[in-house]
């Protein structure tokens, strides 16, 4: 069955290092409403202009780098800035697992929980506590503002394995995809729709530019023709005047 919508704990991750194309690597506590820790999640968020980023800690160009200790002191004009990728696609790799160094409720029973989160304008996605996810994002000014100032919330929700529950023959149908697969399928379809919408917008913009260029070209041709007609008329007048002088 799908995970419960009731969150039992939350962890927040600051995204500002992404603004400068740095990895976000952090261990965050999952706190319940009473402020008690249920355990810790190790979160690694990596931005890359390539669909299959290198695993190396540091690479050249706009590839992600491990975040330095003084990243909060960086100005928006220092280091690589995500604004230089405006209009291009960026792949965001999100890796999550339970911190094994501290005994906790999540570490003792990881299969009983799922983690859900939203990255920028994507739909809520639900995964096992230990997972890797890849999100494709178009770099825009609102997206740069998002990673510059916002946090990413990881909600831990309870999960019950459908295989452990008594089910009727009708509900035992295997035609429906697993919940996580269905979410991934929906996310993929939405991404395709966004790409199609972007292509349609680009096509309309190109069509408008072509129409404007044709209009400017027509004006130029008309202007040149007017000049040619004027010159031709002046030549005729000059020839007529010369003929009258000869007579």
Protein backbone atom coordinates (compact mmCIF):
# COMPACT_ATOMS: atom_id res chain seq x y z
CA UNK A 1 0.00 0.00 0.00
CA UNK A 2 1.17 3.58 -0.51
CA UNK A 3 2.97 5.23 2.37
CA UNK A 4 0.89 7.18 4.87
CA UNK A 5 0.59 10.89 4.29
CA UNK A 6 1.30 11.49 8.00
CA UNK A 7 4.89 12.57 8.47
CA UNK A 8 6.55 11.28 11.63
CA UNK A 9 9.69 13.39 11.23
CA UNK A 10 11.37 16.02 9.11
CA UNK A 11 14.92 16.93 8.11
CA UNK A 12 15.95 20.13 6.34
CA UNK A 13 18.85 20.54 3.92
CA UNK A 14 20.13 23.93 2.76
CA UNK A 15 20.74 24.09 -0.98
CA UNK A 16 22.82 27.27 -1.37
CA UNK A 17 26.07 25.44 -2.30
CA UNK A 18 24.30 24.32 -5.50
CA UNK A 19 24.25 27.99 -6.57
CA UNK A 20 28.02 27.76 -6.98
CA UNK A 21 27.88 24.23 -8.49
CA UNK A 22 29.12 22.63 -5.27
CA UNK A 23 27.90 19.30 -3.94
CA UNK A 24 25.70 19.36 -0.86
CA UNK A 25 26.95 16.59 1.45
CA UNK A 26 25.44 16.66 4.92
CA UNK A 27 24.14 14.54 7.78
CA UNK A 28 20.83 15.85 9.13
CA UNK A 29 18.70 14.75 12.08
CA UNK A 30 15.11 13.65 11.48
CA UNK A 31 13.09 15.40 14.19
CA UNK A 32 9.50 14.65 15.19
CA UNK A 33 6.97 17.26 16.33
CA UNK A 34 8.34 17.09 19.87
CA UNK A 35 11.87 17.84 18.68
CA UNK A 36 13.13 14.33 19.37
CA UNK A 37 15.51 12.70 16.90
CA UNK A 38 14.38 9.55 15.11
CA UNK A 39 17.79 9.13 13.51
CA UNK A 40 19.95 10.85 10.92
CA UNK A 41 19.97 10.85 7.13
CA UNK A 42 23.10 11.27 5.06
CA UNK A 43 22.13 13.38 2.05
CA UNK A 44 24.28 13.99 -1.04
CA UNK A 45 22.93 16.39 -3.68
CA UNK A 46 25.12 16.83 -6.75
CA UNK A 47 24.46 19.20 -9.68
CA UNK A 48 25.90 18.39 -13.09
CA UNK A 49 25.40 19.66 -16.66
CA UNK A 50 25.86 16.03 -17.74
CA UNK A 51 23.36 13.19 -17.33
CA UNK A 52 26.10 10.91 -15.96
CA UNK A 53 28.31 13.09 -13.75
CA UNK A 54 31.74 11.93 -12.71
CA UNK A 55 32.14 10.42 -9.25
CA UNK A 56 35.37 12.35 -8.79
CA UNK A 57 35.31 14.83 -5.88
CA UNK A 58 36.40 17.65 -8.14
CA UNK A 59 36.32 18.18 -11.88
CA UNK A 60 36.87 21.04 -14.27
CA UNK A 61 34.44 23.52 -15.70
CA UNK A 62 30.90 23.65 -14.35
CA UNK A 63 30.90 20.12 -12.95
CA UNK A 64 30.12 19.92 -9.25
CA UNK A 65 32.81 20.17 -6.58
CA UNK A 66 32.76 19.30 -2.92
CA UNK A 67 31.61 22.28 -0.90
CA UNK A 68 34.30 24.17 1.06
CA UNK A 69 33.81 25.12 4.69
CA UNK A 70 33.49 28.82 3.85
CA UNK A 71 30.81 28.49 1.17
CA UNK A 72 28.50 30.85 3.10
CA UNK A 73 31.09 33.59 2.61
CA UNK A 74 31.06 33.27 -1.17
CA UNK A 75 29.45 36.12 -3.05
CA UNK A 76 27.16 35.40 -5.98
CA UNK A 77 29.93 36.55 -8.33
CA UNK A 78 32.61 34.19 -7.03
CA UNK A 79 33.46 30.69 -8.23
CA UNK A 80 31.31 28.97 -10.83
CA UNK A 81 27.83 30.42 -10.80
CA UNK A 82 24.73 28.51 -11.86
CA UNK A 83 23.47 31.65 -13.62
CA UNK A 84 26.00 30.94 -16.39
CA UNK A 85 23.90 27.86 -17.26
CA UNK A 86 20.68 29.85 -17.73
CA UNK A 87 18.49 28.16 -20.34
CA UNK A 88 20.35 24.84 -20.12
CA UNK A 89 19.35 21.59 -18.47
CA UNK A 90 20.95 20.48 -15.21
CA UNK A 91 20.89 16.99 -13.73
CA UNK A 92 20.47 16.84 -9.95
CA UNK A 93 21.64 13.60 -8.33
CA UNK A 94 20.07 12.95 -4.91
CA UNK A 95 21.45 10.13 -2.77
CA UNK A 96 20.06 9.34 0.67
CA UNK A 97 20.82 6.70 3.31
CA UNK A 98 20.43 6.29 7.05
CA UNK A 99 23.48 7.30 9.09
CA UNK A 100 24.92 3.97 10.32
CA UNK A 101 27.12 5.54 12.99
CA UNK A 102 24.32 6.23 15.48
CA UNK A 103 21.75 3.66 16.69
CA UNK A 104 18.26 4.93 15.93
CA UNK A 105 14.69 3.98 15.12
CA UNK A 106 15.31 4.50 11.40
CA UNK A 107 18.49 2.44 11.44
CA UNK A 108 16.82 -0.42 13.32
CA UNK A 109 13.77 -0.64 11.04
CA UNK A 110 14.53 1.08 7.71
CA UNK A 111 12.02 -1.06 5.77
CA UNK A 112 9.17 0.37 7.86
CA UNK A 113 9.68 3.89 6.55
CA UNK A 114 9.85 5.91 3.37
CA UNK A 115 11.19 9.38 2.69
CA UNK A 116 9.35 11.93 0.57
CA UNK A 117 10.52 15.25 -0.79
CA UNK A 118 9.95 17.91 -3.42
CA UNK A 119 12.79 19.45 -5.42
CA UNK A 120 11.89 22.83 -6.94
CA UNK A 121 8.71 22.38 -9.03
CA UNK A 122 8.68 18.57 -9.19
CA UNK A 123 5.84 16.56 -7.68
CA UNK A 124 6.27 14.94 -4.28
CA UNK A 125 8.39 11.81 -4.69
CA UNK A 126 8.49 8.88 -2.27
CA UNK A 127 11.44 6.49 -1.96
CA UNK A 128 12.97 3.95 0.43
CA UNK A 129 15.21 5.55 3.04
CA UNK A 130 18.26 4.37 1.09
CA UNK A 131 18.00 5.35 -2.56
CA UNK A 132 19.48 7.34 -5.44
CA UNK A 133 17.38 9.63 -7.61
CA UNK A 134 18.12 11.78 -10.67
CA UNK A 135 16.11 14.90 -11.49
CA UNK A 136 16.42 16.92 -14.72
CA UNK A 137 15.86 20.66 -14.25
CA UNK A 138 15.88 23.61 -16.64
CA UNK A 139 18.04 26.40 -15.20
CA UNK A 140 15.97 29.58 -14.94
CA UNK A 141 16.15 32.67 -12.70
CA UNK A 142 13.44 31.23 -10.38
CA UNK A 143 15.44 28.00 -10.07
CA UNK A 144 18.62 29.94 -9.21
CA UNK A 145 16.64 31.86 -6.58
CA UNK A 146 15.33 28.54 -5.21
CA UNK A 147 18.75 26.97 -4.64
CA UNK A 148 20.11 30.29 -3.35
CA UNK A 149 17.61 30.76 -0.54
CA UNK A 150 15.41 27.70 0.04
CA UNK A 151 15.76 24.46 1.95
CA UNK A 152 14.79 20.96 0.86
CA UNK A 153 12.50 19.15 3.28
CA UNK A 154 12.83 15.38 3.71
CA UNK A 155 9.68 13.94 5.29
CA UNK A 156 9.85 10.47 6.84
CA UNK A 157 6.55 8.58 6.62
CA UNK A 158 5.54 5.11 7.83
CA UNK A 159 5.34 2.32 5.28
CA UNK A 160 3.65 -1.08 5.32
CA UNK A 161 4.78 -3.80 2.93
CA UNK A 162 1.77 -5.03 0.95
CA UNK A 163 3.22 -8.55 0.92
CA UNK A 164 2.83 -8.78 4.69
CA UNK A 165 -0.86 -7.85 4.71
CA UNK A 166 -3.77 -10.30 4.22
CA UNK A 167 -5.37 -9.50 0.86
CA UNK A 168 -8.36 -10.73 -1.06
CA UNK A 169 -7.95 -12.38 -4.45
CA UNK A 170 -9.21 -9.25 -6.13
CA UNK A 171 -6.59 -7.07 -4.47
CA UNK A 172 -3.80 -9.53 -5.21
CA UNK A 173 -3.80 -8.49 -8.87
CA UNK A 174 -0.25 -7.82 -10.10
CA UNK A 175 -1.30 -5.67 -13.04
CA UNK A 176 -0.66 -2.42 -11.17
CA UNK A 177 2.97 -1.24 -11.06
CA UNK A 178 4.77 -0.90 -7.72
CA UNK A 179 4.14 2.40 -6.01
CA UNK A 180 7.66 3.74 -6.46
CA UNK A 181 7.69 2.67 -10.12
CA UNK A 182 4.37 4.43 -10.66
CA UNK A 183 5.78 7.63 -9.18
CA UNK A 184 8.86 7.42 -11.38
CA UNK A 185 6.67 6.75 -14.42
CA UNK A 186 4.50 9.77 -13.61
CA UNK A 187 7.56 11.96 -13.07
CA UNK A 188 9.01 10.82 -16.40
CA UNK A 189 5.76 11.61 -18.23
CA UNK A 190 5.64 15.05 -16.62
CA UNK A 191 9.25 15.69 -17.62
CA UNK A 192 8.44 14.69 -21.20
CA UNK A 193 5.44 17.04 -21.18
CA UNK A 194 7.61 19.89 -19.87
CA UNK A 195 10.20 19.21 -22.58
CA UNK A 196 7.47 19.18 -25.24
CA UNK A 197 6.02 22.43 -23.91
CA UNK A 198 9.48 24.03 -23.94
CA UNK A 199 10.07 22.85 -27.51
CA UNK A 200 6.68 24.26 -28.54
CA UNK A 201 7.54 27.61 -26.94
CA UNK A 202 10.92 27.66 -28.67
CA UNK A 203 9.23 26.82 -31.98
CA UNK A 204 6.74 29.67 -31.56
CA UNK A 205 9.54 32.06 -30.60
CA UNK A 206 11.57 31.00 -33.65
CA UNK A 207 8.50 31.38 -35.86
CA UNK A 208 7.94 34.89 -34.50
CA UNK A 209 11.59 35.80 -35.09
CA UNK A 210 11.39 34.51 -38.67
CA UNK A 211 8.24 36.54 -39.31
CA UNK A 212 9.91 39.65 -37.93
CA UNK A 213 12.97 39.02 -40.11
CA UNK A 214 10.75 38.59 -43.18
CA UNK A 215 9.00 41.84 -42.32
CA UNK A 216 12.30 43.67 -41.95
CA UNK A 217 13.55 42.14 -45.21
CA UNK A 218 10.41 43.25 -47.04
CA UNK A 219 10.86 46.77 -45.71
CA UNK A 220 14.49 46.76 -46.83
CA UNK A 221 13.62 45.48 -50.31
CA UNK A 222 10.87 48.11 -50.61
CA UNK A 223 13.28 50.84 -49.51
CA UNK A 224 15.94 49.71 -52.02
CA UNK A 225 13.35 49.61 -54.80
CA UNK A 226 12.22 53.14 -53.94
CA UNK A 227 15.84 54.30 -54.12
CA UNK A 228 16.32 52.54 -57.47
CA UNK A 229 13.15 54.16 -58.82
CA UNK A 230 14.32 57.57 -57.61
CA UNK A 231 17.76 57.13 -59.21
CA UNK A 232 16.18 55.89 -62.45
CA UNK A 233 13.84 58.89 -62.52
CA UNK A 234 16.78 61.23 -61.93
CA UNK A 235 18.71 59.59 -64.78
CA UNK A 236 15.73 59.98 -67.12
CA UNK A 237 15.33 63.62 -66.15
CA UNK A 238 19.05 64.18 -66.73
CA UNK A 239 18.87 62.54 -70.16
CA UNK A 240 15.84 64.65 -71.09
CA UNK A 241 17.58 67.83 -70.01
CA UNK A 242 20.69 66.87 -72.00
CA UNK A 243 18.59 66.22 -75.10
CA UNK A 244 16.93 69.61 -74.83
CA UNK A 245 20.33 71.32 -74.58
CA UNK A 246 21.58 69.55 -77.70
CA UNK A 247 18.53 70.69 -79.66
